[in-house]
């Protein structure tokens, strides 16, 4: 069974135990989302990751709870070059 977030993203209904800082990691899935390097998870999938999957405001890269932030924008919210995003993404997948 799945649940839908406010943005329409489906996730398993038992996504992890709630804690004050988000959710504890769950081996079922990791919610990957585009972030900015400043970790300002204010809208879209980043906000869902913060509210529902354990992402932490102020941390724009890496795994927190059941989420994994992949920076797609810099600290001034300018889009990063695709090659930089691709390099970061595949490097992390290879080492996970």
C-alpha atoms as a PDB file:
ATOM      1  CA  UNK A   1       0.000   0.000   0.000  1.00  0.00           C
ATOM      2  CA  UNK A   2       1.213   3.510  -0.763  1.00  0.00           C
ATOM      3  CA  UNK A   3       0.411   7.004   0.468  1.00  0.00           C
ATOM      4  CA  UNK A   4       0.515  10.180  -1.589  1.00  0.00           C
ATOM      5  CA  UNK A   5       2.266  13.312  -0.355  1.00  0.00           C
ATOM      6  CA  UNK A   6       0.767  16.758  -0.940  1.00  0.00           C
ATOM      7  CA  UNK A   7       2.751  16.999  -4.180  1.00  0.00           C
ATOM      8  CA  UNK A   8       1.352  13.666  -5.402  1.00  0.00           C
ATOM      9  CA  UNK A   9       4.491  11.599  -4.819  1.00  0.00           C
ATOM     10  CA  UNK A  10       3.739   8.040  -3.719  1.00  0.00           C
ATOM     11  CA  UNK A  11       5.646   6.344  -0.908  1.00  0.00           C
ATOM     12  CA  UNK A  12       5.255   3.139   1.130  1.00  0.00           C
ATOM     13  CA  UNK A  13       2.700   3.541   3.912  1.00  0.00           C
ATOM     14  CA  UNK A  14       5.144   2.373   6.612  1.00  0.00           C
ATOM     15  CA  UNK A  15       8.048   4.681   5.674  1.00  0.00           C
ATOM     16  CA  UNK A  16       9.846   4.645   9.023  1.00  0.00           C
ATOM     17  CA  UNK A  17       9.304   5.679  12.606  1.00  0.00           C
ATOM     18  CA  UNK A  18       8.633   9.355  13.206  1.00  0.00           C
ATOM     19  CA  UNK A  19      11.150  11.266  15.288  1.00  0.00           C
ATOM     20  CA  UNK A  20      11.465  14.930  16.159  1.00  0.00           C
ATOM     21  CA  UNK A  21      13.979  15.476  13.329  1.00  0.00           C
ATOM     22  CA  UNK A  22      12.155  13.485  10.649  1.00  0.00           C
ATOM     23  CA  UNK A  23      12.066   9.732  10.114  1.00  0.00           C
ATOM     24  CA  UNK A  24      14.503   6.995  10.966  1.00  0.00           C
ATOM     25  CA  UNK A  25      16.104   5.333   7.924  1.00  0.00           C
ATOM     26  CA  UNK A  26      14.099   2.527   6.360  1.00  0.00           C
ATOM     27  CA  UNK A  27      15.645  -0.142   4.156  1.00  0.00           C
ATOM     28  CA  UNK A  28      12.604  -0.140   1.833  1.00  0.00           C
ATOM     29  CA  UNK A  29      13.414   3.061  -0.068  1.00  0.00           C
ATOM     30  CA  UNK A  30      15.356   6.326  -0.118  1.00  0.00           C
ATOM     31  CA  UNK A  31      13.578   9.446  -1.398  1.00  0.00           C
ATOM     32  CA  UNK A  32      16.089  11.204  -3.706  1.00  0.00           C
ATOM     33  CA  UNK A  33      15.422  14.850  -4.459  1.00  0.00           C
ATOM     34  CA  UNK A  34      17.028  17.873  -6.073  1.00  0.00           C
ATOM     35  CA  UNK A  35      18.363  20.298  -3.498  1.00  0.00           C
ATOM     36  CA  UNK A  36      20.301  23.522  -3.320  1.00  0.00           C
ATOM     37  CA  UNK A  37      23.735  23.530  -1.704  1.00  0.00           C
ATOM     38  CA  UNK A  38      22.457  25.708   1.155  1.00  0.00           C
ATOM     39  CA  UNK A  39      19.879  23.081   2.104  1.00  0.00           C
ATOM     40  CA  UNK A  40      16.908  25.461   2.006  1.00  0.00           C
ATOM     41  CA  UNK A  41      14.247  22.791   1.453  1.00  0.00           C
ATOM     42  CA  UNK A  42      11.372  25.226   1.019  1.00  0.00           C
ATOM     43  CA  UNK A  43       9.272  23.968  -1.872  1.00  0.00           C
ATOM     44  CA  UNK A  44       8.435  21.033  -4.119  1.00  0.00           C
ATOM     45  CA  UNK A  45      10.127  17.694  -3.614  1.00  0.00           C
ATOM     46  CA  UNK A  46      12.702  19.243  -1.255  1.00  0.00           C
ATOM     47  CA  UNK A  47       9.946  20.430   1.093  1.00  0.00           C
ATOM     48  CA  UNK A  48       8.325  16.974   0.925  1.00  0.00           C
ATOM     49  CA  UNK A  49      11.694  15.429   1.752  1.00  0.00           C
ATOM     50  CA  UNK A  50      11.993  17.686   4.805  1.00  0.00           C
ATOM     51  CA  UNK A  51       8.413  17.188   6.012  1.00  0.00           C
ATOM     52  CA  UNK A  52       7.977  13.502   5.244  1.00  0.00           C
ATOM     53  CA  UNK A  53      11.337  11.786   4.721  1.00  0.00           C
ATOM     54  CA  UNK A  54      13.798  13.200   7.255  1.00  0.00           C
ATOM     55  CA  UNK A  55      15.741  15.764   5.198  1.00  0.00           C
ATOM     56  CA  UNK A  56      17.269  18.431   7.452  1.00  0.00           C
ATOM     57  CA  UNK A  57      17.064  22.143   6.705  1.00  0.00           C
ATOM     58  CA  UNK A  58      20.578  23.532   6.165  1.00  0.00           C
ATOM     59  CA  UNK A  59      22.060  20.304   4.755  1.00  0.00           C
ATOM     60  CA  UNK A  60      21.911  20.316   0.956  1.00  0.00           C
ATOM     61  CA  UNK A  61      23.837  17.166   0.146  1.00  0.00           C
ATOM     62  CA  UNK A  62      23.658  13.556   1.282  1.00  0.00           C
ATOM     63  CA  UNK A  63      21.418  11.173   3.175  1.00  0.00           C
ATOM     64  CA  UNK A  64      19.289  12.186   6.142  1.00  0.00           C
ATOM     65  CA  UNK A  65      16.452   9.931   7.312  1.00  0.00           C
ATOM     66  CA  UNK A  66      14.869   8.270   4.269  1.00  0.00           C
ATOM     67  CA  UNK A  67      15.968  11.066   1.954  1.00  0.00           C
ATOM     68  CA  UNK A  68      19.016  11.781  -0.197  1.00  0.00           C
ATOM     69  CA  UNK A  69      19.699  15.357  -1.294  1.00  0.00           C
ATOM     70  CA  UNK A  70      21.351  15.765  -4.691  1.00  0.00           C
ATOM     71  CA  UNK A  71      22.415  19.398  -5.188  1.00  0.00           C
ATOM     72  CA  UNK A  72      21.086  20.829  -8.446  1.00  0.00           C
ATOM     73  CA  UNK A  73      21.421  24.508  -7.457  1.00  0.00           C
ATOM     74  CA  UNK A  74      24.201  26.462  -5.755  1.00  0.00           C
ATOM     75  CA  UNK A  75      23.904  28.457  -2.516  1.00  0.00           C
ATOM     76  CA  UNK A  76      22.508  31.456  -4.468  1.00  0.00           C
ATOM     77  CA  UNK A  77      19.872  29.192  -6.088  1.00  0.00           C
ATOM     78  CA  UNK A  78      21.509  29.276  -9.532  1.00  0.00           C
ATOM     79  CA  UNK A  79      21.266  26.040 -11.489  1.00  0.00           C
ATOM     80  CA  UNK A  80      24.440  23.936 -11.379  1.00  0.00           C
ATOM     81  CA  UNK A  81      25.860  22.642 -14.684  1.00  0.00           C
ATOM     82  CA  UNK A  82      24.419  19.261 -15.647  1.00  0.00           C
ATOM     83  CA  UNK A  83      27.906  17.705 -15.696  1.00  0.00           C
ATOM     84  CA  UNK A  84      28.435  18.668 -12.034  1.00  0.00           C
ATOM     85  CA  UNK A  85      25.064  17.244 -10.988  1.00  0.00           C
ATOM     86  CA  UNK A  86      25.657  14.048 -12.960  1.00  0.00           C
ATOM     87  CA  UNK A  87      29.126  13.632 -11.465  1.00  0.00           C
ATOM     88  CA  UNK A  88      27.848  14.080  -7.900  1.00  0.00           C
ATOM     89  CA  UNK A  89      24.894  11.742  -8.457  1.00  0.00           C
ATOM     90  CA  UNK A  90      26.762   8.841 -10.020  1.00  0.00           C
ATOM     91  CA  UNK A  91      29.735   9.122  -7.668  1.00  0.00           C
ATOM     92  CA  UNK A  92      27.407   8.726  -4.688  1.00  0.00           C
ATOM     93  CA  UNK A  93      25.412   5.887  -6.265  1.00  0.00           C
ATOM     94  CA  UNK A  94      28.642   3.999  -6.988  1.00  0.00           C
ATOM     95  CA  UNK A  95      29.748   4.266  -3.350  1.00  0.00           C
ATOM     96  CA  UNK A  96      26.355   3.556  -1.727  1.00  0.00           C
END
